Amino acid sequence: MMRRLPLVVGPLVFAAALALPAPASLSESAWHVAGLAAWMATWWLSAVVPLEATALLPIVVLPLAGVAPIGEVTASYADPIIFLFLGGFFLAATLERWNLHKRFALATVRAVGTDAPRVVLAFMLASAVASMWISNTATTVMMLPIAMAVLGGRSEGPPGRRTAEPSARGGFPTALMLGVAYAASIGGVATLIGTPPNAIFAGAARELLSVDIGFASWMAVAFPISALMLAGCWLFLVWLFGVRGSVPGLASIVERESKTLGALSRAERFVLTVFGLTALAWIFRAPKTLGDVRIPGLSDVLPGISDAAIAVAAALILFVVPLRRSRFPVGLDWESARKVPWGILLLFGGGLALAGAFASSGLTEWLGGRLTGLKGTPLPVVLAATAGLFVLLTELTSNTATAALGMPLMAGVAQGLGVAALPLMATAAMAASMAFMLPVATPPNAIVFGSGAVTPSSMARAGVGLNVVAVVIVTIAVWIWTA
């Protein structure tokens, strides 16, 4: 009964906002938006209703409450950032369909030899790079059977079900499995399509600040942070669990898995070419300036080009171009495409609609006005507090929902503190992907916990330290970037 309580509490809070007068200096529409935000927060944080269903509330509530017309609200569900992510989902589905992500993982592991610390690093690198382009969950599911084979175990049954007893061979098994999960989360931070909070940040920046965050501009900031975090995570896990020695039989395992995949086919080379050209187009869409040298971008030739258009164009090529003498007639068919996580796109839309309502109703400005007494707080302190708050929140709630709620709130906080909103929102977005302590915090954590090679105490012990490392690295990096 208590678990269903939020189902009633959410609408009641919104009803109270309709029935009660707005606080002084707050408009009626902003008061209604605050009530809607509380309703959505209650349902999102409790997950009593599917997150995707909660994201549809603005379509019904905002027009009925007189906050915004239906056309304005639904436009948020077709924001360009949503089509960027949709194209990214299609690219990821293609890589998975042709097992190209697995080829990369095996090549990375093969290159490091049998030294145990380097094996952990190789698995983490493979997970991180894969999760830059495909979902963190898919990355972990792909890496799990390879890691279990290295440990001499088997992965049977659905992810999340415990299928083996924890190994007694020292700390290597625990470090390996945690490394796979943590690297999948860390790698997703590096690109705009790597994990939903990144895209939510980009959409909110456009909606609230009229700032366009492109693929290359995000990667320029987030990739170094992701790389630093990955290195710190590896060093910490190797030290914490005393990883040393060598891993016998690794070469034969990798060789067996590689033989199963066979030689790289002509069709697979075509898919890799499309993927590589897409990534290059994202990076070089806008002109670059290096000192006095200006490097032309695609937008010089095609002024209307956007990251979203590049993503959708790549997907169309994969759908349309025929592949001869291959096991599939085209790079991507609808049977594979329909498996992409469509619900995430609804979450994006709901978060952007809520952010737009915060701005248009004046709620963001009002929230900022309540915090003017804290003006003058040093920026590093503000960034550290933001990172710490979002790291803790995302341990208990969906990182997508946390980011969707957090972006408009951080914009208001920044206004009140008299600091730039963009670094504060970027800090929140990156911190929302740094959940390392609990099995329920992220799907990768849950998947490796279900393997049986990780105990709750081991994950908690590693996670507490890495949460602190994440707060420190994100805070310092964003502070330097801002300066």
Protein backbone atom coordinates (compact mmCIF):
# COMPACT_ATOMS: atom_id res chain seq x y z
CA MET A 1 0.00 0.00 0.00
CA MET A 2 2.77 2.44 0.94
CA ARG A 3 4.52 1.76 -2.37
CA ARG A 4 1.43 3.00 -4.23
CA LEU A 5 1.11 6.15 -2.11
CA PRO A 6 3.06 8.37 -4.55
CA LEU A 7 0.46 7.53 -7.21
CA VAL A 8 -2.02 9.63 -5.23
CA VAL A 9 0.39 12.13 -3.69
CA GLY A 10 1.59 13.48 -7.05
CA PRO A 11 -1.82 14.57 -8.37
CA LEU A 12 -2.82 15.86 -4.92
CA VAL A 13 0.20 18.18 -4.84
CA PHE A 14 -0.75 19.55 -8.25
CA ALA A 15 -4.39 19.93 -7.15
CA ALA A 16 -3.17 21.94 -4.16
CA ALA A 17 -1.30 24.26 -6.52
CA LEU A 18 -4.54 24.78 -8.46
CA ALA A 19 -6.63 25.39 -5.35
CA LEU A 20 -4.27 27.54 -3.29
CA PRO A 21 -3.17 31.06 -4.19
CA ALA A 22 0.35 31.50 -5.55
CA PRO A 23 3.04 32.85 -3.21
CA ALA A 24 3.82 36.54 -3.38
CA SER A 25 5.63 37.67 -6.55
CA LEU A 26 4.96 34.31 -8.24
CA SER A 27 2.55 34.27 -11.18
CA GLU A 28 -0.36 31.85 -11.28
CA SER A 29 1.05 30.02 -14.30
CA ALA A 30 4.44 29.62 -12.61
CA TRP A 31 2.67 28.26 -9.51
CA HIS A 32 0.89 25.70 -11.69
CA VAL A 33 4.20 24.72 -13.31
CA ALA A 34 5.70 24.23 -9.84
CA GLY A 35 2.79 21.94 -9.00
CA LEU A 36 3.33 19.96 -12.20
CA ALA A 37 7.07 19.68 -11.45
CA ALA A 38 6.27 18.32 -7.99
CA TRP A 39 3.81 15.82 -9.50
CA MET A 40 6.33 14.63 -12.08
CA ALA A 41 9.11 14.48 -9.48
CA THR A 42 6.94 12.33 -7.21
CA TRP A 43 6.18 9.84 -9.96
CA TRP A 44 9.66 9.89 -11.48
CA LEU A 45 11.50 9.42 -8.19
CA SER A 46 9.16 6.69 -6.95
CA ALA A 47 8.77 4.99 -10.37
CA VAL A 48 5.21 4.14 -9.33
CA VAL A 49 4.22 4.93 -12.94
CA PRO A 50 6.47 4.12 -15.93
CA LEU A 51 8.91 7.00 -16.38
CA GLU A 52 7.91 7.37 -20.02
CA ALA A 53 4.23 7.72 -19.11
CA THR A 54 5.02 10.42 -16.55
CA ALA A 55 6.89 12.31 -19.27
CA LEU A 56 3.58 12.71 -21.15
CA LEU A 57 1.96 14.74 -18.34
CA PRO A 58 2.97 18.17 -19.74
CA ILE A 59 0.98 17.48 -22.94
CA VAL A 60 -2.21 17.21 -20.89
CA VAL A 61 -1.56 19.48 -17.92
CA LEU A 62 0.14 22.57 -19.36
CA PRO A 63 -2.59 23.43 -21.93
CA LEU A 64 -5.42 22.69 -19.46
CA ALA A 65 -3.76 24.85 -16.79
CA GLY A 66 -3.43 27.70 -19.28
CA VAL A 67 0.37 27.71 -19.13
CA ALA A 68 1.08 27.02 -22.82
CA PRO A 69 -0.88 26.01 -25.95
CA ILE A 70 -0.74 22.38 -27.04
CA GLY A 71 1.35 23.16 -30.14
CA GLU A 72 4.04 24.82 -28.06
CA VAL A 73 4.16 21.93 -25.59
CA THR A 74 4.28 19.15 -28.17
CA ALA A 75 7.05 20.95 -30.06
CA SER A 76 9.36 19.96 -27.21
CA TYR A 77 8.77 16.29 -28.08
CA ALA A 78 10.16 16.95 -31.58
CA ASP A 79 13.21 18.96 -30.51
CA PRO A 80 16.28 18.50 -32.77
CA ILE A 81 18.19 16.86 -29.92
CA ILE A 82 15.58 14.06 -29.91
CA PHE A 83 16.26 13.33 -33.57
CA LEU A 84 20.00 13.38 -32.89
CA PHE A 85 19.47 10.70 -30.27
CA LEU A 86 17.09 8.77 -32.56
CA GLY A 87 19.74 8.69 -35.28
CA GLY A 88 22.28 7.65 -32.68
CA PHE A 89 20.00 4.82 -31.57
CA PHE A 90 19.74 3.60 -35.18
CA LEU A 91 23.53 3.69 -35.57
CA ALA A 92 23.94 1.75 -32.32
CA ALA A 93 21.37 -0.82 -33.44
CA THR A 94 23.35 -1.29 -36.66
CA LEU A 95 26.64 -1.81 -34.81
CA GLU A 96 24.96 -4.39 -32.58
CA ARG A 97 23.27 -6.11 -35.53
CA TRP A 98 26.63 -6.69 -37.23
CA ASN A 99 28.51 -7.42 -33.96
CA LEU A 100 31.02 -4.66 -34.73
CA HIS A 101 31.06 -3.50 -31.10
CA LYS A 102 32.07 -7.02 -30.07
CA ARG A 103 34.89 -7.08 -32.64
CA PHE A 104 36.31 -3.89 -31.16
CA ALA A 105 36.07 -5.25 -27.62
CA LEU A 106 37.90 -8.46 -28.54
CA ALA A 107 40.61 -6.54 -30.42
CA THR A 108 41.18 -4.31 -27.39
CA VAL A 109 41.46 -7.24 -24.99
CA ARG A 110 43.76 -9.14 -27.39
CA ALA A 111 46.17 -6.19 -27.52
CA VAL A 112 47.01 -6.05 -23.79
CA GLY A 113 48.38 -9.53 -23.06
CA THR A 114 47.66 -11.44 -19.85
CA ASP A 115 48.81 -9.03 -17.11
CA ALA A 116 45.81 -8.78 -14.74
CA PRO A 117 45.79 -4.97 -14.20
CA ARG A 118 46.09 -4.42 -17.96
CA VAL A 119 43.29 -6.91 -18.61
CA VAL A 120 41.03 -4.86 -16.32
CA LEU A 121 42.10 -1.72 -18.21
CA ALA A 122 41.40 -3.34 -21.59
CA PHE A 123 37.90 -4.38 -20.58
CA MET A 124 37.25 -0.89 -19.21
CA LEU A 125 38.54 0.78 -22.38
CA ALA A 126 36.40 -1.47 -24.56
CA SER A 127 33.32 -0.78 -22.43
CA ALA A 128 33.92 2.97 -22.33
CA VAL A 129 34.49 3.37 -26.07
CA ALA A 130 31.48 1.19 -26.93
CA SER A 131 29.22 3.13 -24.56
CA MET A 132 30.17 6.39 -26.27
CA TRP A 133 28.03 5.20 -29.18
CA ILE A 134 25.65 2.50 -27.91
CA SER A 135 23.66 2.33 -24.69
CA ASN A 136 25.42 1.63 -21.40
CA THR A 137 23.12 -1.34 -20.87
CA ALA A 138 23.85 -2.91 -24.27
CA THR A 139 27.58 -2.38 -23.69
CA THR A 140 27.48 -4.22 -20.37
CA VAL A 141 25.37 -7.06 -21.75
CA MET A 142 27.91 -7.46 -24.57
CA MET A 143 30.97 -7.43 -22.29
CA LEU A 144 29.51 -9.67 -19.56
CA PRO A 145 29.87 -13.07 -21.30
CA ILE A 146 33.44 -12.25 -22.37
CA ALA A 147 34.36 -11.24 -18.82
CA MET A 148 32.66 -14.32 -17.37
CA ALA A 149 34.60 -16.54 -19.79
CA VAL A 150 37.84 -14.94 -18.59
CA LEU A 151 36.82 -15.70 -15.00
CA GLY A 152 36.07 -19.29 -15.91
CA GLY A 153 32.34 -18.85 -15.28
CA ARG A 154 29.26 -18.84 -17.47
CA SER A 155 26.56 -16.28 -18.02
CA GLU A 156 23.23 -17.91 -18.49
CA GLY A 157 19.73 -16.52 -18.17
CA PRO A 158 18.64 -12.92 -18.42
CA PRO A 159 20.85 -10.08 -17.18
CA GLY A 160 20.19 -9.28 -13.54
CA ARG A 161 19.75 -12.89 -12.40
CA ARG A 162 22.52 -14.29 -10.23
CA THR A 163 23.99 -17.28 -12.06
CA ALA A 164 27.32 -17.96 -10.40
CA GLU A 165 28.87 -17.80 -6.99
CA PRO A 166 31.43 -15.07 -6.24
CA SER A 167 34.94 -16.14 -7.19
CA ALA A 168 37.45 -16.90 -4.44
CA ARG A 169 40.51 -16.08 -6.58
CA GLY A 170 41.30 -12.74 -5.00
CA GLY A 171 40.24 -9.29 -6.13
CA PHE A 172 40.63 -9.64 -9.90
CA PRO A 173 37.09 -10.96 -10.60
CA THR A 174 35.47 -8.16 -8.61
CA ALA A 175 37.65 -5.46 -10.16
CA LEU A 176 36.99 -6.82 -13.66
CA MET A 177 33.22 -6.93 -13.32
CA LEU A 178 32.95 -3.56 -11.58
CA GLY A 179 35.31 -2.09 -14.17
CA VAL A 180 33.01 -3.18 -16.99
CA ALA A 181 29.94 -1.63 -15.33
CA TYR A 182 31.61 1.58 -14.21
CA ALA A 183 33.36 2.13 -17.56
CA ALA A 184 30.04 1.77 -19.39
CA SER A 185 28.63 4.63 -17.31
CA ILE A 186 31.79 6.75 -17.58
CA GLY A 187 32.16 6.28 -21.34
CA GLY A 188 28.60 7.42 -21.95
CA VAL A 189 29.51 10.87 -20.62
CA ALA A 190 31.99 11.49 -23.45
CA THR A 191 29.55 12.04 -26.34
CA LEU A 192 26.24 13.80 -26.73
CA ILE A 193 24.52 10.52 -27.69
CA GLY A 194 26.30 8.40 -25.09
CA THR A 195 23.72 8.71 -22.32
CA PRO A 196 20.36 10.54 -21.98
CA PRO A 197 21.42 13.24 -19.43
CA ASN A 198 23.85 14.67 -22.00
CA ALA A 199 21.11 15.18 -24.56
CA ILE A 200 18.73 16.55 -21.93
CA PHE A 201 21.38 19.12 -21.00
CA ALA A 202 21.85 20.13 -24.64
CA GLY A 203 18.10 20.48 -25.17
CA ALA A 204 17.65 22.46 -21.95
CA ALA A 205 20.55 24.75 -22.86
CA ARG A 206 18.80 25.61 -26.12
CA GLU A 207 15.39 25.95 -24.44
CA LEU A 208 16.47 27.97 -21.39
CA LEU A 209 19.65 29.76 -22.46
CA SER A 210 19.38 29.88 -26.28
CA VAL A 211 22.78 28.17 -26.43
CA ASP A 212 23.42 25.51 -29.08
CA ILE A 213 25.48 22.62 -27.70
CA GLY A 214 26.80 20.66 -30.67
CA PHE A 215 28.32 17.20 -30.74
CA ALA A 216 31.88 18.54 -31.03
CA SER A 217 31.50 21.26 -28.39
CA TRP A 218 30.18 18.75 -25.84
CA MET A 219 32.89 16.23 -26.67
CA ALA A 220 35.61 18.87 -26.29
CA VAL A 221 34.65 19.28 -22.64
CA ALA A 222 33.24 15.89 -21.69
CA PHE A 223 35.73 13.55 -23.38
CA PRO A 224 38.72 14.69 -21.26
CA ILE A 225 36.57 14.42 -18.13
CA SER A 226 35.49 10.93 -19.14
CA ALA A 227 39.09 9.91 -19.87
CA LEU A 228 40.32 11.25 -16.51
CA MET A 229 37.49 9.51 -14.70
CA LEU A 230 38.21 6.24 -16.48
CA ALA A 231 41.90 6.39 -15.56
CA GLY A 232 41.06 7.26 -11.96
CA CYS A 233 38.50 4.46 -11.78
CA TRP A 234 40.99 1.89 -13.11
CA LEU A 235 43.76 2.93 -10.71
CA PHE A 236 41.33 2.94 -7.78
CA LEU A 237 39.89 -0.52 -8.54
CA VAL A 238 43.33 -2.09 -9.08
CA TRP A 239 44.55 -0.60 -5.79
CA LEU A 240 41.41 -1.33 -3.78
CA PHE A 241 41.14 -4.98 -4.77
CA GLY A 242 44.86 -5.71 -4.99
CA VAL A 243 44.81 -6.82 -8.62
CA ARG A 244 48.10 -8.43 -9.67
CA GLY A 245 49.54 -11.43 -11.51
CA SER A 246 48.41 -12.75 -14.88
CA VAL A 247 45.24 -14.19 -16.40
CA PRO A 248 45.78 -17.68 -17.83
CA GLY A 249 43.88 -18.77 -20.92
CA LEU A 250 42.88 -15.27 -22.00
CA ALA A 251 44.39 -15.56 -25.47
CA SER A 252 42.51 -18.78 -26.24
CA ILE A 253 39.22 -17.28 -25.07
CA VAL A 254 39.64 -14.22 -27.29
CA GLU A 255 40.72 -16.40 -30.22
CA ARG A 256 37.65 -18.62 -29.84
CA GLU A 257 35.28 -15.65 -29.70
CA SER A 258 36.99 -14.04 -32.72
CA LYS A 259 36.70 -17.23 -34.79
CA THR A 260 32.99 -17.29 -34.05
CA LEU A 261 32.66 -13.84 -35.64
CA GLY A 262 34.77 -14.76 -38.66
CA ALA A 263 36.59 -12.34 -40.97
CA LEU A 264 35.36 -8.79 -41.46
CA SER A 265 32.95 -8.86 -44.39
CA ARG A 266 32.47 -6.27 -47.13
CA ALA A 267 29.09 -5.33 -45.68
CA GLU A 268 30.60 -4.83 -42.23
CA ARG A 269 33.24 -2.57 -43.75
CA PHE A 270 30.46 -0.51 -45.34
CA VAL A 271 28.70 -0.14 -41.98
CA LEU A 272 31.98 0.88 -40.33
CA THR A 273 32.56 3.45 -43.08
CA VAL A 274 29.12 5.00 -42.56
CA PHE A 275 29.71 5.09 -38.81
CA GLY A 276 33.16 6.66 -39.16
CA LEU A 277 31.99 9.30 -41.62
CA THR A 278 29.07 10.15 -39.35
CA ALA A 279 31.35 10.65 -36.36
CA LEU A 280 33.68 12.85 -38.44
CA ALA A 281 30.72 14.87 -39.73
CA TRP A 282 29.55 15.50 -36.16
CA ILE A 283 33.02 16.59 -35.07
CA PHE A 284 33.68 18.84 -38.09
CA ARG A 285 30.16 20.19 -38.66
CA ALA A 286 31.07 23.65 -37.35
CA PRO A 287 34.29 25.49 -38.27
CA LYS A 288 37.18 25.16 -35.81
CA THR A 289 39.67 27.84 -34.81
CA LEU A 290 43.18 26.88 -33.69
CA GLY A 291 44.97 30.08 -32.80
CA ASP A 292 44.95 32.16 -35.97
CA VAL A 293 44.07 29.19 -38.17
CA ARG A 294 40.45 28.61 -39.16
CA ILE A 295 39.50 25.06 -40.16
CA PRO A 296 36.40 25.07 -42.39
CA GLY A 297 33.41 23.01 -41.34
CA LEU A 298 30.58 21.28 -43.16
CA SER A 299 28.32 24.21 -42.30
CA ASP A 300 30.43 26.42 -44.60
CA VAL A 301 29.28 24.27 -47.54
CA LEU A 302 25.87 23.24 -46.19
CA PRO A 303 24.62 26.12 -44.00
CA GLY A 304 21.51 24.20 -42.90
CA ILE A 305 23.40 21.14 -41.66
CA SER A 306 22.88 20.07 -38.04
CA ASP A 307 23.96 17.19 -35.81
CA ALA A 308 20.41 15.83 -35.95
CA ALA A 309 20.34 15.94 -39.76
CA ILE A 310 23.68 14.11 -39.92
CA ALA A 311 22.38 11.37 -37.61
CA VAL A 312 19.15 10.89 -39.54
CA ALA A 313 20.97 10.95 -42.91
CA ALA A 314 23.32 8.19 -41.71
CA ALA A 315 20.36 6.11 -40.56
CA LEU A 316 18.62 6.56 -43.93
CA ILE A 317 21.75 5.38 -45.76
CA LEU A 318 21.82 2.25 -43.61
CA PHE A 319 18.12 1.63 -44.31
CA VAL A 320 18.36 2.22 -48.07
CA VAL A 321 21.71 1.12 -49.55
CA PRO A 322 21.55 -2.57 -50.60
CA LEU A 323 24.32 -4.92 -49.49
CA ARG A 324 25.20 -7.70 -51.91
CA ARG A 325 26.39 -11.14 -50.87
CA SER A 326 25.81 -10.49 -47.18
CA ARG A 327 23.68 -12.11 -44.49
CA PHE A 328 21.43 -9.03 -44.37
CA PRO A 329 20.10 -7.19 -47.48
CA VAL A 330 20.63 -3.74 -45.91
CA GLY A 331 22.66 -2.34 -43.03
CA LEU A 332 19.59 -1.78 -40.87
CA ASP A 333 16.03 -3.04 -41.20
CA TRP A 334 12.93 -2.06 -39.25
CA GLU A 335 12.93 -5.31 -37.29
CA SER A 336 16.19 -4.20 -35.68
CA ALA A 337 15.30 -0.51 -35.55
CA ARG A 338 12.06 -1.09 -33.67
CA LYS A 339 14.09 -2.45 -30.73
CA VAL A 340 15.65 0.93 -29.94
CA PRO A 341 14.52 2.45 -26.61
CA TRP A 342 11.73 4.67 -27.92
CA GLY A 343 10.60 5.49 -24.40
CA ILE A 344 13.79 7.47 -23.79
CA LEU A 345 12.70 9.89 -26.51
CA LEU A 346 9.46 10.54 -24.62
CA LEU A 347 11.51 11.21 -21.48
CA PHE A 348 13.54 13.78 -23.42
CA GLY A 349 10.37 15.46 -24.62
CA GLY A 350 8.83 15.56 -21.15
CA GLY A 351 11.98 17.03 -19.65
CA LEU A 352 12.26 19.69 -22.35
CA ALA A 353 8.56 20.58 -22.08
CA LEU A 354 8.97 21.04 -18.32
CA ALA A 355 12.12 23.13 -18.82
CA GLY A 356 10.32 25.31 -21.36
CA ALA A 357 7.42 25.83 -18.94
CA PHE A 358 9.87 26.85 -16.19
CA ALA A 359 11.29 29.53 -18.46
CA SER A 360 8.10 30.83 -20.08
CA SER A 361 6.14 31.04 -16.83
CA GLY A 362 8.90 32.89 -14.97
CA LEU A 363 9.43 30.09 -12.45
CA THR A 364 13.16 29.89 -13.19
CA GLU A 365 13.56 33.60 -12.54
CA TRP A 366 11.49 33.36 -9.34
CA LEU A 367 13.60 30.48 -8.01
CA GLY A 368 16.72 32.49 -8.70
CA GLY A 369 15.32 35.41 -6.76
CA ARG A 370 14.93 33.24 -3.66
CA LEU A 371 18.67 32.50 -3.66
CA THR A 372 20.10 35.99 -4.06
CA GLY A 373 21.29 35.88 -0.45
CA LEU A 374 23.84 33.27 -1.47
CA LYS A 375 25.41 35.48 -4.12
CA GLY A 376 29.17 35.56 -3.87
CA THR A 377 29.54 31.87 -3.07
CA PRO A 378 32.78 30.73 -4.77
CA LEU A 379 32.11 28.90 -8.02
CA PRO A 380 34.11 25.77 -7.05
CA VAL A 381 31.93 25.39 -3.95
CA VAL A 382 28.76 25.70 -6.04
CA LEU A 383 30.04 23.19 -8.60
CA ALA A 384 31.10 20.70 -5.92
CA ALA A 385 27.75 20.98 -4.15
CA THR A 386 25.93 20.45 -7.46
CA ALA A 387 28.06 17.44 -8.39
CA GLY A 388 27.66 15.89 -4.93
CA LEU A 389 23.89 16.40 -4.94
CA PHE A 390 23.37 14.82 -8.35
CA VAL A 391 25.72 11.91 -7.66
CA LEU A 392 23.65 11.08 -4.57
CA LEU A 393 20.31 11.56 -6.34
CA THR A 394 21.22 9.30 -9.24
CA GLU A 395 22.18 6.50 -6.84
CA LEU A 396 18.49 6.23 -6.01
CA THR A 397 16.66 7.42 -9.12
CA SER A 398 16.86 7.21 -12.90
CA ASN A 399 19.65 9.41 -14.23
CA THR A 400 17.37 10.50 -17.07
CA ALA A 401 14.61 11.62 -14.71
CA THR A 402 17.15 13.27 -12.40
CA ALA A 403 18.59 15.28 -15.29
CA ALA A 404 15.17 16.20 -16.66
CA LEU A 405 14.12 17.62 -13.30
CA GLY A 406 17.51 19.12 -12.53
CA MET A 407 18.18 21.24 -15.62
CA PRO A 408 15.51 23.93 -15.06
CA LEU A 409 16.22 23.93 -11.32
CA MET A 410 19.94 24.47 -11.89
CA ALA A 411 19.19 27.32 -14.28
CA GLY A 412 17.20 29.02 -11.51
CA VAL A 413 19.88 28.32 -8.90
CA ALA A 414 22.55 29.81 -11.15
CA GLN A 415 20.48 32.95 -11.65
CA GLY A 416 20.04 33.37 -7.91
CA LEU A 417 23.71 32.81 -7.14
CA GLY A 418 24.82 35.14 -9.89
CA VAL A 419 26.87 32.51 -11.72
CA ALA A 420 26.71 31.24 -15.30
CA ALA A 421 24.03 28.59 -15.72
CA LEU A 422 25.80 26.55 -18.41
CA PRO A 423 28.64 25.13 -16.24
CA LEU A 424 26.21 24.40 -13.42
CA MET A 425 23.87 22.50 -15.74
CA ALA A 426 26.78 20.65 -17.38
CA THR A 427 28.05 19.60 -13.95
CA ALA A 428 24.61 18.26 -13.06
CA ALA A 429 24.34 16.34 -16.35
CA MET A 430 27.73 14.66 -15.97
CA ALA A 431 27.27 13.91 -12.27
CA ALA A 432 23.91 12.28 -13.05
CA SER A 433 25.83 9.52 -14.87
CA MET A 434 28.27 8.85 -12.01
CA ALA A 435 26.41 6.30 -9.87
CA PHE A 436 28.77 3.60 -8.61
CA MET A 437 27.61 2.58 -5.15
CA LEU A 438 24.36 0.59 -5.42
CA PRO A 439 23.23 -2.27 -7.69
CA VAL A 440 19.94 -0.43 -8.35
CA ALA A 441 21.67 2.82 -9.32
CA THR A 442 22.22 1.92 -12.99
CA PRO A 443 21.44 -1.01 -15.30
CA PRO A 444 25.18 -1.78 -15.72
CA ASN A 445 25.55 -2.04 -11.94
CA ALA A 446 22.55 -4.37 -11.74
CA ILE A 447 23.81 -6.55 -14.60
CA VAL A 448 27.26 -7.20 -13.14
CA PHE A 449 25.78 -7.71 -9.68
CA GLY A 450 23.54 -10.35 -11.21
CA SER A 451 26.61 -12.20 -12.53
CA GLY A 452 27.44 -13.35 -9.01
CA ALA A 453 31.04 -12.10 -9.17
CA VAL A 454 30.27 -8.94 -7.18
CA THR A 455 28.88 -8.67 -3.66
CA PRO A 456 26.85 -5.66 -2.44
CA SER A 457 29.57 -4.77 0.06
CA SER A 458 32.26 -4.79 -2.65
CA MET A 459 30.19 -2.52 -4.88
CA ALA A 460 29.43 -0.17 -2.00
CA ARG A 461 33.08 -0.04 -0.91
CA ALA A 462 34.28 0.78 -4.40
CA GLY A 463 31.34 3.05 -5.15
CA VAL A 464 31.77 5.37 -2.17
CA GLY A 465 35.35 6.12 -3.14
CA LEU A 466 34.54 6.55 -6.83
CA ASN A 467 31.63 8.86 -6.07
CA VAL A 468 34.10 11.13 -4.27
CA VAL A 469 36.56 10.85 -7.16
CA ALA A 470 33.76 11.76 -9.59
CA VAL A 471 32.76 14.86 -7.62
CA VAL A 472 36.39 16.04 -7.47
CA ILE A 473 37.17 15.42 -11.16
CA VAL A 474 33.93 16.91 -12.50
CA THR A 475 34.19 19.96 -10.22
CA ILE A 476 37.81 20.76 -11.07
CA ALA A 477 37.39 20.08 -14.79
CA VAL A 478 34.28 22.24 -15.19
CA TRP A 479 35.87 24.99 -13.07
CA ILE A 480 38.95 25.04 -15.32
CA TRP A 481 36.76 24.98 -18.44
CA THR A 482 34.69 27.89 -17.09
CA ALA A 483 37.80 29.90 -16.23
